[in-house]
Structures are given as structure tokens and as C-alpha cells.
Amino acid sequence: MAKRVRGGSSRPGQRPRLQRRATTARPTTESTPTPTPPAGSVSLTAAEEARAAELEAQIVATERAAETNATRARERARRPAEGEVRVRSGSIAERASHEYAYVARDVRRIITIGGSLIGFLLALWVVLQATGIGRI
């Protein structure tokens, strides 16, 4: 007896089978005919053709500008910033450089706060000595 499976007949991570319909075979040697305008159709005027050419030129210029901007952005992303050392992605040196940046910022904050506390205590001592408060 076959094992029963819930859901579909496909396994996880696999696509189900394609459901194809029976179709008639088409000849592959025939080329598709190009559509021809009807006999009574009106062609474009010179002004309409000029407007169409102008619109097409604007579209092409916009596409080129977008392509140029994308190329510049990719080049900027590839170049390392000034003073930054380019290292292999995922290397220990890269992770360490990020950690050192955090450490350097934290040390600067500690020095700033510690220095300001020492300056405050020194100023308080000078004020107490000058006014004579606290002397017995």
C-alpha cells in the first residue's frame, strides 16, 4: 500500500509538475506575416511624424541619463572612500575595523565626560577655596 501524503504530490523545495494541454502541432517553417495597414487608412502628417520623433528623442535622452546615473552609482559603490582600506568581504579585518570604530567613538565619549567631570571638580575646589566655605 502506498504512503498517503497531505497536500500536493510535490516534495518540499520542488515545483509541482507543469499542467500542459494537448495542442496541435504548428509548422515551424512558416514565417508570420507582417501586418499591413488597411487600404483606406490615413498616414501620419509631417507634423505628427516630427512630434513622434521629438518624443522618441526625449525618451532616448531620459533613458541614457538614467543609465549614466546608474553607472556612476555602481562606480561609486566599487570605489573605497578616502582613508578607508578596502578588505575582503567577510574577513576578520573588516569586522575588526567596524568594531574599532565603535571602540574609538566610545573612548572619545569617555574622555570627554571624564575630562568635564575633572574640570567641574577642579572649578568647585577653586570656588570653595576662594570663598572659604567648608573651613573650620
C-alpha atoms as a PDB file:
ATOM      1  CA  MET A   1       0.000   0.000   0.000  1.00  0.00           C
ATOM      2  CA  ALA A   2       1.308   3.473  -0.907  1.00  0.00           C
ATOM      3  CA  LYS A   3       2.073   6.062   1.725  1.00  0.00           C
ATOM      4  CA  ARG A   4      -0.553   8.805   1.995  1.00  0.00           C
ATOM      5  CA  VAL A   5       0.606  12.404   1.703  1.00  0.00           C
ATOM      6  CA  ARG A   6      -1.211  15.523   2.806  1.00  0.00           C
ATOM      7  CA  GLY A   7      -1.371  18.443   0.406  1.00  0.00           C
ATOM      8  CA  GLY A   8       0.019  18.136  -3.087  1.00  0.00           C
ATOM      9  CA  SER A   9       2.055  15.442  -4.665  1.00  0.00           C
ATOM     10  CA  SER A  10       5.242  17.519  -4.762  1.00  0.00           C
ATOM     11  CA  ARG A  11       8.047  17.341  -2.241  1.00  0.00           C
ATOM     12  CA  PRO A  12       9.192  20.346  -0.222  1.00  0.00           C
ATOM     13  CA  GLY A  13      11.588  22.521  -2.189  1.00  0.00           C
ATOM     14  CA  GLN A  14      10.397  21.213  -5.542  1.00  0.00           C
ATOM     15  CA  ARG A  15       7.975  22.665  -8.014  1.00  0.00           C
ATOM     16  CA  PRO A  16       4.849  20.749  -8.904  1.00  0.00           C
ATOM     17  CA  ARG A  17       4.606  19.253 -12.370  1.00  0.00           C
ATOM     18  CA  LEU A  18       3.522  21.541 -15.165  1.00  0.00           C
ATOM     19  CA  GLN A  19      -0.019  21.011 -16.381  1.00  0.00           C
ATOM     20  CA  ARG A  20       0.213  21.004 -20.164  1.00  0.00           C
ATOM     21  CA  ARG A  21      -2.656  20.980 -22.560  1.00  0.00           C
ATOM     22  CA  ALA A  22      -2.716  18.924 -25.707  1.00  0.00           C
ATOM     23  CA  THR A  23      -2.058  21.297 -28.590  1.00  0.00           C
ATOM     24  CA  THR A  24      -1.939  20.783 -32.292  1.00  0.00           C
ATOM     25  CA  ALA A  25       1.471  20.821 -33.864  1.00  0.00           C
ATOM     26  CA  ARG A  26       2.290  24.035 -35.686  1.00  0.00           C
ATOM     27  CA  PRO A  27       4.545  24.125 -38.704  1.00  0.00           C
ATOM     28  CA  THR A  28       7.796  25.779 -37.708  1.00  0.00           C
ATOM     29  CA  THR A  29       8.975  26.670 -41.200  1.00  0.00           C
ATOM     30  CA  GLU A  30       6.225  29.206 -41.817  1.00  0.00           C
ATOM     31  CA  SER A  31       7.054  32.803 -41.067  1.00  0.00           C
ATOM     32  CA  THR A  32       4.453  35.051 -39.545  1.00  0.00           C
ATOM     33  CA  PRO A  33       3.162  37.645 -41.981  1.00  0.00           C
ATOM     34  CA  THR A  34       3.752  41.286 -41.130  1.00  0.00           C
ATOM     35  CA  PRO A  35       0.564  43.265 -40.671  1.00  0.00           C
ATOM     36  CA  THR A  36      -0.218  45.691 -43.440  1.00  0.00           C
ATOM     37  CA  PRO A  37      -2.344  48.777 -42.947  1.00  0.00           C
ATOM     38  CA  PRO A  38      -5.824  48.662 -44.433  1.00  0.00           C
ATOM     39  CA  ALA A  39      -6.271  50.179 -47.849  1.00  0.00           C
ATOM     40  CA  GLY A  40      -8.397  53.105 -46.612  1.00  0.00           C
ATOM     41  CA  SER A  41      -6.145  54.089 -43.702  1.00  0.00           C
ATOM     42  CA  VAL A  42      -4.741  57.604 -43.345  1.00  0.00           C
ATOM     43  CA  SER A  43      -0.981  58.056 -42.963  1.00  0.00           C
ATOM     44  CA  LEU A  44       0.628  60.446 -40.465  1.00  0.00           C
ATOM     45  CA  THR A  45       1.146  64.071 -41.333  1.00  0.00           C
ATOM     46  CA  ALA A  46       4.576  65.665 -41.306  1.00  0.00           C
ATOM     47  CA  ALA A  47       3.785  67.491 -38.048  1.00  0.00           C
ATOM     48  CA  GLU A  48       2.714  64.243 -36.371  1.00  0.00           C
ATOM     49  CA  GLU A  49       5.874  62.500 -37.549  1.00  0.00           C
ATOM     50  CA  ALA A  50       8.012  65.385 -36.246  1.00  0.00           C
ATOM     51  CA  ARG A  51       6.229  65.257 -32.869  1.00  0.00           C
ATOM     52  CA  ALA A  52       6.752  61.490 -32.700  1.00  0.00           C
ATOM     53  CA  ALA A  53      10.456  61.913 -33.492  1.00  0.00           C
ATOM     54  CA  GLU A  54      10.740  64.599 -30.800  1.00  0.00           C
ATOM     55  CA  LEU A  55       9.051  62.382 -28.212  1.00  0.00           C
ATOM     56  CA  GLU A  56      11.286  59.469 -29.135  1.00  0.00           C
ATOM     57  CA  ALA A  57      14.385  61.661 -28.791  1.00  0.00           C
ATOM     58  CA  GLN A  58      13.219  62.771 -25.308  1.00  0.00           C
ATOM     59  CA  ILE A  59      12.642  59.166 -24.255  1.00  0.00           C
ATOM     60  CA  VAL A  60      16.061  58.093 -25.513  1.00  0.00           C
ATOM     61  CA  ALA A  61      17.735  61.027 -23.720  1.00  0.00           C
ATOM     62  CA  THR A  62      15.941  60.166 -20.470  1.00  0.00           C
ATOM     63  CA  GLU A  63      16.980  56.517 -20.759  1.00  0.00           C
ATOM     64  CA  ARG A  64      20.609  57.481 -21.409  1.00  0.00           C
ATOM     65  CA  ALA A  65      20.629  59.827 -18.412  1.00  0.00           C
ATOM     66  CA  ALA A  66      19.190  57.109 -16.177  1.00  0.00           C
ATOM     67  CA  GLU A  67      21.762  54.626 -17.459  1.00  0.00           C
ATOM     68  CA  THR A  68      24.588  57.111 -16.866  1.00  0.00           C
ATOM     69  CA  ASN A  69      23.382  57.760 -13.303  1.00  0.00           C
ATOM     70  CA  ALA A  70      23.178  54.026 -12.607  1.00  0.00           C
ATOM     71  CA  THR A  71      26.696  53.510 -13.974  1.00  0.00           C
ATOM     72  CA  ARG A  72      28.062  56.324 -11.802  1.00  0.00           C
ATOM     73  CA  ALA A  73      26.354  54.917  -8.719  1.00  0.00           C
ATOM     74  CA  ARG A  74      27.859  51.488  -9.373  1.00  0.00           C
ATOM     75  CA  GLU A  75      31.329  53.001  -9.814  1.00  0.00           C
ATOM     76  CA  ARG A  76      30.975  54.986  -6.570  1.00  0.00           C
ATOM     77  CA  ALA A  77      29.939  51.836  -4.745  1.00  0.00           C
ATOM     78  CA  ARG A  78      33.005  49.982  -6.047  1.00  0.00           C
ATOM     79  CA  ARG A  79      35.495  52.690  -5.034  1.00  0.00           C
ATOM     80  CA  PRO A  80      36.590  52.780  -1.405  1.00  0.00           C
ATOM     81  CA  ALA A  81      36.022  56.069   0.407  1.00  0.00           C
ATOM     82  CA  GLU A  82      39.007  58.283   1.190  1.00  0.00           C
ATOM     83  CA  GLY A  83      41.057  56.894   4.051  1.00  0.00           C
ATOM     84  CA  GLU A  84      39.120  53.639   4.007  1.00  0.00           C
ATOM     85  CA  VAL A  85      41.070  50.467   3.419  1.00  0.00           C
ATOM     86  CA  ARG A  86      39.333  48.031   1.122  1.00  0.00           C
ATOM     87  CA  VAL A  87      39.357  44.488   2.554  1.00  0.00           C
ATOM     88  CA  ARG A  88      37.769  41.236   1.516  1.00  0.00           C
ATOM     89  CA  SER A  89      34.128  40.933   2.424  1.00  0.00           C
ATOM     90  CA  GLY A  90      33.597  38.750   5.455  1.00  0.00           C
ATOM     91  CA  SER A  91      37.202  38.894   6.601  1.00  0.00           C
ATOM     92  CA  ILE A  92      38.227  39.345  10.213  1.00  0.00           C
ATOM     93  CA  ALA A  93      39.947  42.633   9.365  1.00  0.00           C
ATOM     94  CA  GLU A  94      36.699  44.103   8.054  1.00  0.00           C
ATOM     95  CA  ARG A  95      34.744  43.096  11.142  1.00  0.00           C
ATOM     96  CA  ALA A  96      37.566  44.382  13.359  1.00  0.00           C
ATOM     97  CA  SER A  97      37.616  47.745  11.560  1.00  0.00           C
ATOM     98  CA  HIS A  98      33.914  48.191  12.314  1.00  0.00           C
ATOM     99  CA  GLU A  99      34.467  47.199  15.940  1.00  0.00           C
ATOM    100  CA  TYR A 100      37.417  49.580  16.244  1.00  0.00           C
ATOM    101  CA  ALA A 101      35.220  52.413  15.001  1.00  0.00           C
ATOM    102  CA  TYR A 102      32.743  51.722  17.811  1.00  0.00           C
ATOM    103  CA  VAL A 103      35.550  51.476  20.357  1.00  0.00           C
ATOM    104  CA  ALA A 104      37.167  54.734  19.201  1.00  0.00           C
ATOM    105  CA  ARG A 105      33.851  56.572  19.444  1.00  0.00           C
ATOM    106  CA  ASP A 106      33.208  55.170  22.927  1.00  0.00           C
ATOM    107  CA  VAL A 107      36.717  56.094  24.145  1.00  0.00           C
ATOM    108  CA  ARG A 108      36.217  59.670  22.880  1.00  0.00           C
ATOM    109  CA  ARG A 109      32.948  59.896  24.807  1.00  0.00           C
ATOM    110  CA  ILE A 110      34.577  58.517  27.974  1.00  0.00           C
ATOM    111  CA  ILE A 111      37.440  61.029  27.729  1.00  0.00           C
ATOM    112  CA  THR A 112      35.008  63.902  27.130  1.00  0.00           C
ATOM    113  CA  ILE A 113      32.792  63.002  30.087  1.00  0.00           C
ATOM    114  CA  GLY A 114      35.738  62.221  32.394  1.00  0.00           C
ATOM    115  CA  GLY A 115      37.510  65.442  31.467  1.00  0.00           C
ATOM    116  CA  SER A 116      34.414  67.506  32.051  1.00  0.00           C
ATOM    117  CA  LEU A 117      33.889  65.876  35.487  1.00  0.00           C
ATOM    118  CA  ILE A 118      37.507  66.561  36.485  1.00  0.00           C
ATOM    119  CA  GLY A 119      37.145  70.171  35.265  1.00  0.00           C
ATOM    120  CA  PHE A 120      33.910  70.574  37.264  1.00  0.00           C
ATOM    121  CA  LEU A 121      35.534  69.212  40.449  1.00  0.00           C
ATOM    122  CA  LEU A 122      38.554  71.485  39.970  1.00  0.00           C
ATOM    123  CA  ALA A 123      36.310  74.535  39.459  1.00  0.00           C
ATOM    124  CA  LEU A 124      34.284  73.590  42.547  1.00  0.00           C
ATOM    125  CA  TRP A 125      37.507  73.285  44.619  1.00  0.00           C
ATOM    126  CA  VAL A 126      38.685  76.716  43.409  1.00  0.00           C
ATOM    127  CA  VAL A 127      35.332  78.276  44.340  1.00  0.00           C
ATOM    128  CA  LEU A 128      35.367  76.645  47.796  1.00  0.00           C
ATOM    129  CA  GLN A 129      38.944  77.778  48.438  1.00  0.00           C
ATOM    130  CA  ALA A 130      38.266  81.321  47.303  1.00  0.00           C
ATOM    131  CA  THR A 131      35.092  81.768  49.364  1.00  0.00           C
ATOM    132  CA  GLY A 132      36.302  79.920  52.433  1.00  0.00           C
ATOM    133  CA  ILE A 133      33.219  77.715  52.629  1.00  0.00           C
ATOM    134  CA  GLY A 134      33.900  74.481  54.473  1.00  0.00           C
ATOM    135  CA  ARG A 135      36.831  75.720  56.563  1.00  0.00           C
ATOM    136  CA  ILE A 136      36.563  75.084  60.221  1.00  0.00           C
END
